[in-house]
Amino acid sequence: MSDPRDIRSVPDLIGDVLRETTELFRTEGKLIRAEISDKIAQVQVGGGSIAAGAICLLVALVVLAQALVIALAHVVGAGWAALIVGVAIALVGVALLAKGKKDLETVSLTPDRTLQQLQKDGRLVKEQTR
């Protein structure tokens, strides 16, 4: 026989489902906040490294560009040497900007673990309410 304590009314069951669902969403909210904080920290660290590296490379680029212009000036003339070096540096800059933009796309910054967990929880809630 079943224990009388095992028999629960429909309002009790609905109340339990609502409490558990509320707790589930609170937990998922905490998870998404933690994961977003991690992603923000990741962007901050990456941005700082990019800025520091860019400053160092800019100084080096100016010095090396001057040296290259001086070297090419002996072959094609000073004006043409400056134009050739400038165009080459511009092409490299465009390629680097495109790569940086791709690296910071929103796709790579989405909270994937939280989204997957929310999908699982949604399926679980649907199964339990049937």
C-alpha atoms as a PDB file:
ATOM      1  CA  MET A   1       0.000   0.000   0.000  1.00  0.00           C
ATOM      2  CA  SER A   2       1.069   3.541  -0.430  1.00  0.00           C
ATOM      3  CA  ASP A   3       1.861   5.769   2.458  1.00  0.00           C
ATOM      4  CA  PRO A   4      -0.743   8.547   3.041  1.00  0.00           C
ATOM      5  CA  ARG A   5       2.091  11.082   3.023  1.00  0.00           C
ATOM      6  CA  ASP A   6       2.876  10.093  -0.587  1.00  0.00           C
ATOM      7  CA  ILE A   7      -0.552  11.211  -1.742  1.00  0.00           C
ATOM      8  CA  ARG A   8      -0.402  14.874  -2.584  1.00  0.00           C
ATOM      9  CA  SER A   9      -3.053  17.175  -3.908  1.00  0.00           C
ATOM     10  CA  VAL A  10      -2.872  18.853  -7.282  1.00  0.00           C
ATOM     11  CA  PRO A  11      -2.456  22.333  -5.722  1.00  0.00           C
ATOM     12  CA  ASP A  12       0.491  21.000  -3.679  1.00  0.00           C
ATOM     13  CA  LEU A  13       2.080  19.548  -6.801  1.00  0.00           C
ATOM     14  CA  ILE A  14       1.558  22.768  -8.750  1.00  0.00           C
ATOM     15  CA  GLY A  15       3.040  24.750  -5.875  1.00  0.00           C
ATOM     16  CA  ASP A  16       6.082  22.490  -5.836  1.00  0.00           C
ATOM     17  CA  VAL A  17       6.539  22.841  -9.588  1.00  0.00           C
ATOM     18  CA  LEU A  18       6.295  26.624  -9.318  1.00  0.00           C
ATOM     19  CA  ARG A  19       8.803  26.743  -6.447  1.00  0.00           C
ATOM     20  CA  GLU A  20      11.240  24.478  -8.230  1.00  0.00           C
ATOM     21  CA  THR A  21      10.842  26.409 -11.488  1.00  0.00           C
ATOM     22  CA  THR A  22      11.465  29.692  -9.674  1.00  0.00           C
ATOM     23  CA  GLU A  23      14.567  28.278  -8.026  1.00  0.00           C
ATOM     24  CA  LEU A  24      15.742  26.913 -11.371  1.00  0.00           C
ATOM     25  CA  PHE A  25      15.474  30.320 -13.019  1.00  0.00           C
ATOM     26  CA  ARG A  26      17.259  31.984 -10.099  1.00  0.00           C
ATOM     27  CA  THR A  27      20.104  29.514 -10.443  1.00  0.00           C
ATOM     28  CA  GLU A  28      20.226  30.003 -14.211  1.00  0.00           C
ATOM     29  CA  GLY A  29      20.280  33.771 -13.675  1.00  0.00           C
ATOM     30  CA  LYS A  30      23.297  33.409 -11.404  1.00  0.00           C
ATOM     31  CA  LEU A  31      24.986  31.195 -13.988  1.00  0.00           C
ATOM     32  CA  ILE A  32      24.437  33.628 -16.832  1.00  0.00           C
ATOM     33  CA  ARG A  33      25.692  36.553 -14.730  1.00  0.00           C
ATOM     34  CA  ALA A  34      28.849  34.618 -13.846  1.00  0.00           C
ATOM     35  CA  GLU A  35      29.453  33.572 -17.425  1.00  0.00           C
ATOM     36  CA  ILE A  36      28.900  37.087 -18.771  1.00  0.00           C
ATOM     37  CA  SER A  37      31.328  38.429 -16.164  1.00  0.00           C
ATOM     38  CA  ASP A  38      33.914  35.918 -17.387  1.00  0.00           C
ATOM     39  CA  LYS A  39      33.351  37.008 -20.992  1.00  0.00           C
ATOM     40  CA  ILE A  40      33.677  40.697 -20.067  1.00  0.00           C
ATOM     41  CA  ALA A  41      36.942  39.977 -18.256  1.00  0.00           C
ATOM     42  CA  GLN A  42      38.142  38.080 -21.326  1.00  0.00           C
ATOM     43  CA  VAL A  43      37.391  41.093 -23.538  1.00  0.00           C
ATOM     44  CA  GLN A  44      39.108  43.480 -21.109  1.00  0.00           C
ATOM     45  CA  VAL A  45      42.281  41.402 -20.952  1.00  0.00           C
ATOM     46  CA  GLY A  46      42.323  40.962 -24.712  1.00  0.00           C
ATOM     47  CA  GLY A  47      41.685  44.661 -25.307  1.00  0.00           C
ATOM     48  CA  GLY A  48      44.484  45.684 -22.955  1.00  0.00           C
ATOM     49  CA  SER A  49      46.924  43.340 -24.628  1.00  0.00           C
ATOM     50  CA  ILE A  50      45.908  44.590 -28.056  1.00  0.00           C
ATOM     51  CA  ALA A  51      46.375  48.219 -27.013  1.00  0.00           C
ATOM     52  CA  ALA A  52      49.798  47.629 -25.438  1.00  0.00           C
ATOM     53  CA  GLY A  53      50.966  45.583 -28.404  1.00  0.00           C
ATOM     54  CA  ALA A  54      49.670  48.182 -30.844  1.00  0.00           C
ATOM     55  CA  ILE A  55      51.606  50.980 -29.142  1.00  0.00           C
ATOM     56  CA  CYS A  56      54.853  48.995 -29.230  1.00  0.00           C
ATOM     57  CA  LEU A  57      54.328  47.964 -32.825  1.00  0.00           C
ATOM     58  CA  LEU A  58      53.482  51.497 -33.881  1.00  0.00           C
ATOM     59  CA  VAL A  59      56.812  52.802 -32.590  1.00  0.00           C
ATOM     60  CA  ALA A  60      58.685  49.945 -34.250  1.00  0.00           C
ATOM     61  CA  LEU A  61      56.748  50.443 -37.471  1.00  0.00           C
ATOM     62  CA  VAL A  62      57.691  54.117 -37.696  1.00  0.00           C
ATOM     63  CA  VAL A  63      61.381  53.355 -37.225  1.00  0.00           C
ATOM     64  CA  LEU A  64      61.367  50.439 -39.672  1.00  0.00           C
ATOM     65  CA  ALA A  65      59.349  52.382 -42.232  1.00  0.00           C
ATOM     66  CA  GLN A  66      61.870  55.215 -42.131  1.00  0.00           C
ATOM     67  CA  ALA A  67      64.698  52.751 -42.623  1.00  0.00           C
ATOM     68  CA  LEU A  68      62.892  51.084 -45.533  1.00  0.00           C
ATOM     69  CA  VAL A  69      62.137  54.416 -47.222  1.00  0.00           C
ATOM     70  CA  ILE A  70      65.802  55.415 -46.942  1.00  0.00           C
ATOM     71  CA  ALA A  71      66.908  52.064 -48.400  1.00  0.00           C
ATOM     72  CA  LEU A  72      64.393  52.182 -51.281  1.00  0.00           C
ATOM     73  CA  ALA A  73      65.203  55.835 -52.019  1.00  0.00           C
ATOM     74  CA  HIS A  74      68.564  54.714 -53.370  1.00  0.00           C
ATOM     75  CA  VAL A  75      66.765  52.507 -55.919  1.00  0.00           C
ATOM     76  CA  VAL A  76      63.524  54.306 -56.968  1.00  0.00           C
ATOM     77  CA  GLY A  77      63.744  57.823 -55.561  1.00  0.00           C
ATOM     78  CA  ALA A  78      62.521  59.221 -52.246  1.00  0.00           C
ATOM     79  CA  GLY A  79      58.911  59.940 -53.321  1.00  0.00           C
ATOM     80  CA  TRP A  80      58.309  56.498 -54.800  1.00  0.00           C
ATOM     81  CA  ALA A  81      59.985  54.818 -51.849  1.00  0.00           C
ATOM     82  CA  ALA A  82      57.693  56.593 -49.389  1.00  0.00           C
ATOM     83  CA  LEU A  83      54.617  55.669 -51.480  1.00  0.00           C
ATOM     84  CA  ILE A  84      55.580  51.998 -51.743  1.00  0.00           C
ATOM     85  CA  VAL A  85      56.261  51.683 -48.014  1.00  0.00           C
ATOM     86  CA  GLY A  86      53.075  53.546 -47.116  1.00  0.00           C
ATOM     87  CA  VAL A  87      50.878  51.319 -49.298  1.00  0.00           C
ATOM     88  CA  ALA A  88      52.499  48.141 -47.935  1.00  0.00           C
ATOM     89  CA  ILE A  89      51.938  49.254 -44.339  1.00  0.00           C
ATOM     90  CA  ALA A  90      48.333  50.229 -45.121  1.00  0.00           C
ATOM     91  CA  LEU A  91      47.622  46.760 -46.553  1.00  0.00           C
ATOM     92  CA  VAL A  92      49.019  45.082 -43.452  1.00  0.00           C
ATOM     93  CA  GLY A  93      46.905  47.406 -41.285  1.00  0.00           C
ATOM     94  CA  VAL A  94      43.722  46.529 -43.164  1.00  0.00           C
ATOM     95  CA  ALA A  95      44.420  42.817 -42.753  1.00  0.00           C
ATOM     96  CA  LEU A  96      45.028  43.224 -39.009  1.00  0.00           C
ATOM     97  CA  LEU A  97      41.851  45.257 -38.530  1.00  0.00           C
ATOM     98  CA  ALA A  98      39.823  42.585 -40.321  1.00  0.00           C
ATOM     99  CA  LYS A  99      41.313  39.871 -38.109  1.00  0.00           C
ATOM    100  CA  GLY A 100      40.660  41.879 -34.935  1.00  0.00           C
ATOM    101  CA  LYS A 101      37.058  42.485 -35.947  1.00  0.00           C
ATOM    102  CA  LYS A 102      36.568  38.782 -36.592  1.00  0.00           C
ATOM    103  CA  ASP A 103      38.083  37.871 -33.207  1.00  0.00           C
ATOM    104  CA  LEU A 104      35.655  40.153 -31.376  1.00  0.00           C
ATOM    105  CA  GLU A 105      32.491  38.986 -33.144  1.00  0.00           C
ATOM    106  CA  THR A 106      29.523  38.531 -30.845  1.00  0.00           C
ATOM    107  CA  VAL A 107      29.341  34.860 -31.779  1.00  0.00           C
ATOM    108  CA  SER A 108      32.482  34.088 -29.818  1.00  0.00           C
ATOM    109  CA  LEU A 109      31.260  36.077 -26.812  1.00  0.00           C
ATOM    110  CA  THR A 110      27.870  34.435 -26.307  1.00  0.00           C
ATOM    111  CA  PRO A 111      27.315  32.562 -23.016  1.00  0.00           C
ATOM    112  CA  ASP A 112      27.141  29.127 -24.668  1.00  0.00           C
ATOM    113  CA  ARG A 113      27.074  27.027 -21.495  1.00  0.00           C
ATOM    114  CA  THR A 114      24.172  28.994 -20.064  1.00  0.00           C
ATOM    115  CA  LEU A 115      22.183  28.796 -23.288  1.00  0.00           C
ATOM    116  CA  GLN A 116      22.661  25.032 -23.419  1.00  0.00           C
ATOM    117  CA  GLN A 117      21.642  24.681 -19.776  1.00  0.00           C
ATOM    118  CA  LEU A 118      18.527  26.807 -20.307  1.00  0.00           C
ATOM    119  CA  GLN A 119      17.525  24.620 -23.251  1.00  0.00           C
ATOM    120  CA  LYS A 120      17.950  21.488 -21.116  1.00  0.00           C
ATOM    121  CA  ASP A 121      15.943  23.056 -18.292  1.00  0.00           C
ATOM    122  CA  GLY A 122      13.175  24.033 -20.687  1.00  0.00           C
ATOM    123  CA  ARG A 123      12.912  20.474 -21.954  1.00  0.00           C
ATOM    124  CA  LEU A 124      12.908  19.166 -18.380  1.00  0.00           C
ATOM    125  CA  VAL A 125      10.111  21.516 -17.325  1.00  0.00           C
ATOM    126  CA  LYS A 126       8.060  20.490 -20.364  1.00  0.00           C
ATOM    127  CA  GLU A 127       8.542  16.813 -19.515  1.00  0.00           C
ATOM    128  CA  GLN A 128       7.540  17.318 -15.879  1.00  0.00           C
ATOM    129  CA  THR A 129       4.400  19.267 -16.720  1.00  0.00           C
ATOM    130  CA  ARG A 130       3.020  16.593 -19.027  1.00  0.00           C
END
